[in-house]
Amino acid sequence: MPLKSQGVSKGKAFWYGTLSGVVEPVGAIITILLTNAVVSILPYLLSFAAGAMIYVVVEELIPESHNGEHSNIGTIGVALGFVIMMILDIALG
């Protein structure tokens, strides 16, 4: 949709989107091959990936939280709320 709104034809936008997804199977294969080598740090890698996705959702997909003068307060608030939620989850188990 962003390419289409910039004047790119439907066909080109479709193929660009398709080509951008071609790397995913390659990355999956590399990950599967390296899994045995990184089993000990896999929980940390997965935690980092989850944190990165949460950041992307908060920073990029919720634009209303960034209106105004203090645009980082929304992101910091979500991060602090998540930390509090995890502390309560562990403490109250």
C-alpha atoms as a PDB file:
ATOM      1  CA  MET A   1       0.000   0.000   0.000  1.00  0.00           C
ATOM      2  CA  PRO A   2       2.749   2.542   0.716  1.00  0.00           C
ATOM      3  CA  LEU A   3       4.286   1.904  -2.695  1.00  0.00           C
ATOM      4  CA  LYS A   4       0.902   2.170  -4.373  1.00  0.00           C
ATOM      5  CA  SER A   5       0.244   5.499  -2.665  1.00  0.00           C
ATOM      6  CA  GLN A   6       3.581   6.761  -4.005  1.00  0.00           C
ATOM      7  CA  GLY A   7       2.524   6.068  -7.588  1.00  0.00           C
ATOM      8  CA  VAL A   8       4.056   2.637  -8.146  1.00  0.00           C
ATOM      9  CA  SER A   9       1.900   0.352 -10.284  1.00  0.00           C
ATOM     10  CA  LYS A  10      -0.006  -2.533  -8.679  1.00  0.00           C
ATOM     11  CA  GLY A  11       2.184  -5.099 -10.430  1.00  0.00           C
ATOM     12  CA  LYS A  12       5.471  -3.564  -9.307  1.00  0.00           C
ATOM     13  CA  ALA A  13       4.187  -3.069  -5.761  1.00  0.00           C
ATOM     14  CA  PHE A  14       3.151  -6.736  -5.654  1.00  0.00           C
ATOM     15  CA  TRP A  15       6.533  -7.959  -6.906  1.00  0.00           C
ATOM     16  CA  TYR A  16       8.484  -5.677  -4.576  1.00  0.00           C
ATOM     17  CA  GLY A  17       6.456  -7.015  -1.665  1.00  0.00           C
ATOM     18  CA  THR A  18       7.011 -10.582  -2.816  1.00  0.00           C
ATOM     19  CA  LEU A  19      10.758 -10.065  -3.278  1.00  0.00           C
ATOM     20  CA  SER A  20      11.046  -8.514   0.184  1.00  0.00           C
ATOM     21  CA  GLY A  21       9.722 -11.781   1.630  1.00  0.00           C
ATOM     22  CA  VAL A  22      12.160 -14.008  -0.272  1.00  0.00           C
ATOM     23  CA  VAL A  23      14.807 -13.617   2.425  1.00  0.00           C
ATOM     24  CA  GLU A  24      12.583 -15.100   5.115  1.00  0.00           C
ATOM     25  CA  PRO A  25      12.995 -18.780   4.080  1.00  0.00           C
ATOM     26  CA  VAL A  26      16.744 -18.230   3.705  1.00  0.00           C
ATOM     27  CA  GLY A  27      16.911 -16.768   7.213  1.00  0.00           C
ATOM     28  CA  ALA A  28      14.808 -19.624   8.548  1.00  0.00           C
ATOM     29  CA  ILE A  29      17.145 -22.220   7.050  1.00  0.00           C
ATOM     30  CA  ILE A  30      20.219 -20.486   8.456  1.00  0.00           C
ATOM     31  CA  THR A  31      18.518 -20.274  11.857  1.00  0.00           C
ATOM     32  CA  ILE A  32      17.648 -23.963  11.819  1.00  0.00           C
ATOM     33  CA  LEU A  33      21.222 -24.876  10.903  1.00  0.00           C
ATOM     34  CA  LEU A  34      22.666 -22.687  13.681  1.00  0.00           C
ATOM     35  CA  THR A  35      20.161 -23.708  16.356  1.00  0.00           C
ATOM     36  CA  ASN A  36      22.334 -26.533  17.687  1.00  0.00           C
ATOM     37  CA  ALA A  37      25.289 -24.183  18.023  1.00  0.00           C
ATOM     38  CA  VAL A  38      23.381 -21.513  19.956  1.00  0.00           C
ATOM     39  CA  VAL A  39      21.012 -23.561  22.124  1.00  0.00           C
ATOM     40  CA  SER A  40      22.476 -22.101  25.307  1.00  0.00           C
ATOM     41  CA  ILE A  41      21.815 -18.498  24.282  1.00  0.00           C
ATOM     42  CA  LEU A  42      18.576 -19.142  22.367  1.00  0.00           C
ATOM     43  CA  PRO A  43      16.282 -17.853  25.162  1.00  0.00           C
ATOM     44  CA  TYR A  44      18.193 -14.567  25.191  1.00  0.00           C
ATOM     45  CA  LEU A  45      18.023 -14.249  21.414  1.00  0.00           C
ATOM     46  CA  LEU A  46      14.289 -14.942  21.430  1.00  0.00           C
ATOM     47  CA  SER A  47      13.796 -12.429  24.253  1.00  0.00           C
ATOM     48  CA  PHE A  48      15.679  -9.821  22.259  1.00  0.00           C
ATOM     49  CA  ALA A  49      13.540 -10.535  19.195  1.00  0.00           C
ATOM     50  CA  ALA A  50      10.348 -10.216  21.252  1.00  0.00           C
ATOM     51  CA  GLY A  51      11.551  -6.945  22.747  1.00  0.00           C
ATOM     52  CA  ALA A  52      12.399  -5.614  19.298  1.00  0.00           C
ATOM     53  CA  MET A  53       8.929  -6.479  18.042  1.00  0.00           C
ATOM     54  CA  ILE A  54       7.267  -4.803  21.024  1.00  0.00           C
ATOM     55  CA  TYR A  55       9.369  -1.698  20.373  1.00  0.00           C
ATOM     56  CA  VAL A  56       8.386  -1.653  16.691  1.00  0.00           C
ATOM     57  CA  VAL A  57       4.706  -1.971  17.567  1.00  0.00           C
ATOM     58  CA  VAL A  58       4.849   0.822  20.116  1.00  0.00           C
ATOM     59  CA  GLU A  59       7.113   3.151  18.151  1.00  0.00           C
ATOM     60  CA  GLU A  60       5.787   2.675  14.621  1.00  0.00           C
ATOM     61  CA  LEU A  61       2.293   1.198  14.724  1.00  0.00           C
ATOM     62  CA  ILE A  62       0.772   3.392  17.415  1.00  0.00           C
ATOM     63  CA  PRO A  63       1.418   6.876  15.986  1.00  0.00           C
ATOM     64  CA  GLU A  64      -1.129   8.573  18.238  1.00  0.00           C
ATOM     65  CA  SER A  65       1.138   8.017  21.226  1.00  0.00           C
ATOM     66  CA  HIS A  66       3.761  10.222  19.590  1.00  0.00           C
ATOM     67  CA  ASN A  67       1.680  13.325  18.992  1.00  0.00           C
ATOM     68  CA  GLY A  68       2.770  16.418  20.800  1.00  0.00           C
ATOM     69  CA  GLU A  69       5.909  17.744  22.360  1.00  0.00           C
ATOM     70  CA  HIS A  70       7.039  14.724  24.409  1.00  0.00           C
ATOM     71  CA  SER A  71       6.799  11.916  21.887  1.00  0.00           C
ATOM     72  CA  ASN A  72       8.976   9.387  23.748  1.00  0.00           C
ATOM     73  CA  ILE A  73       6.797   9.340  26.870  1.00  0.00           C
ATOM     74  CA  GLY A  74       4.389   6.864  25.267  1.00  0.00           C
ATOM     75  CA  THR A  75       7.184   4.430  24.427  1.00  0.00           C
ATOM     76  CA  ILE A  76       8.780   4.777  27.861  1.00  0.00           C
ATOM     77  CA  GLY A  77       5.380   4.288  29.503  1.00  0.00           C
ATOM     78  CA  VAL A  78       4.783   1.044  27.619  1.00  0.00           C
ATOM     79  CA  ALA A  79       8.282  -0.200  28.504  1.00  0.00           C
ATOM     80  CA  LEU A  80       7.806   0.605  32.198  1.00  0.00           C
ATOM     81  CA  GLY A  81       4.368  -0.976  32.195  1.00  0.00           C
ATOM     82  CA  PHE A  82       5.798  -4.117  30.648  1.00  0.00           C
ATOM     83  CA  VAL A  83       8.564  -4.277  33.263  1.00  0.00           C
ATOM     84  CA  ILE A  84       6.041  -3.842  36.082  1.00  0.00           C
ATOM     85  CA  MET A  85       3.847  -6.537  34.554  1.00  0.00           C
ATOM     86  CA  MET A  86       6.775  -8.971  34.384  1.00  0.00           C
ATOM     87  CA  ILE A  87       7.795  -8.210  37.987  1.00  0.00           C
ATOM     88  CA  LEU A  88       4.252  -8.856  39.178  1.00  0.00           C
ATOM     89  CA  ASP A  89       4.047 -12.029  37.104  1.00  0.00           C
ATOM     90  CA  ILE A  90       7.214 -13.408  38.702  1.00  0.00           C
ATOM     91  CA  ALA A  91       6.385 -12.178  42.218  1.00  0.00           C
ATOM     92  CA  LEU A  92       2.784 -13.406  42.236  1.00  0.00           C
ATOM     93  CA  GLY A  93       3.595 -16.398  40.060  1.00  0.00           C
END
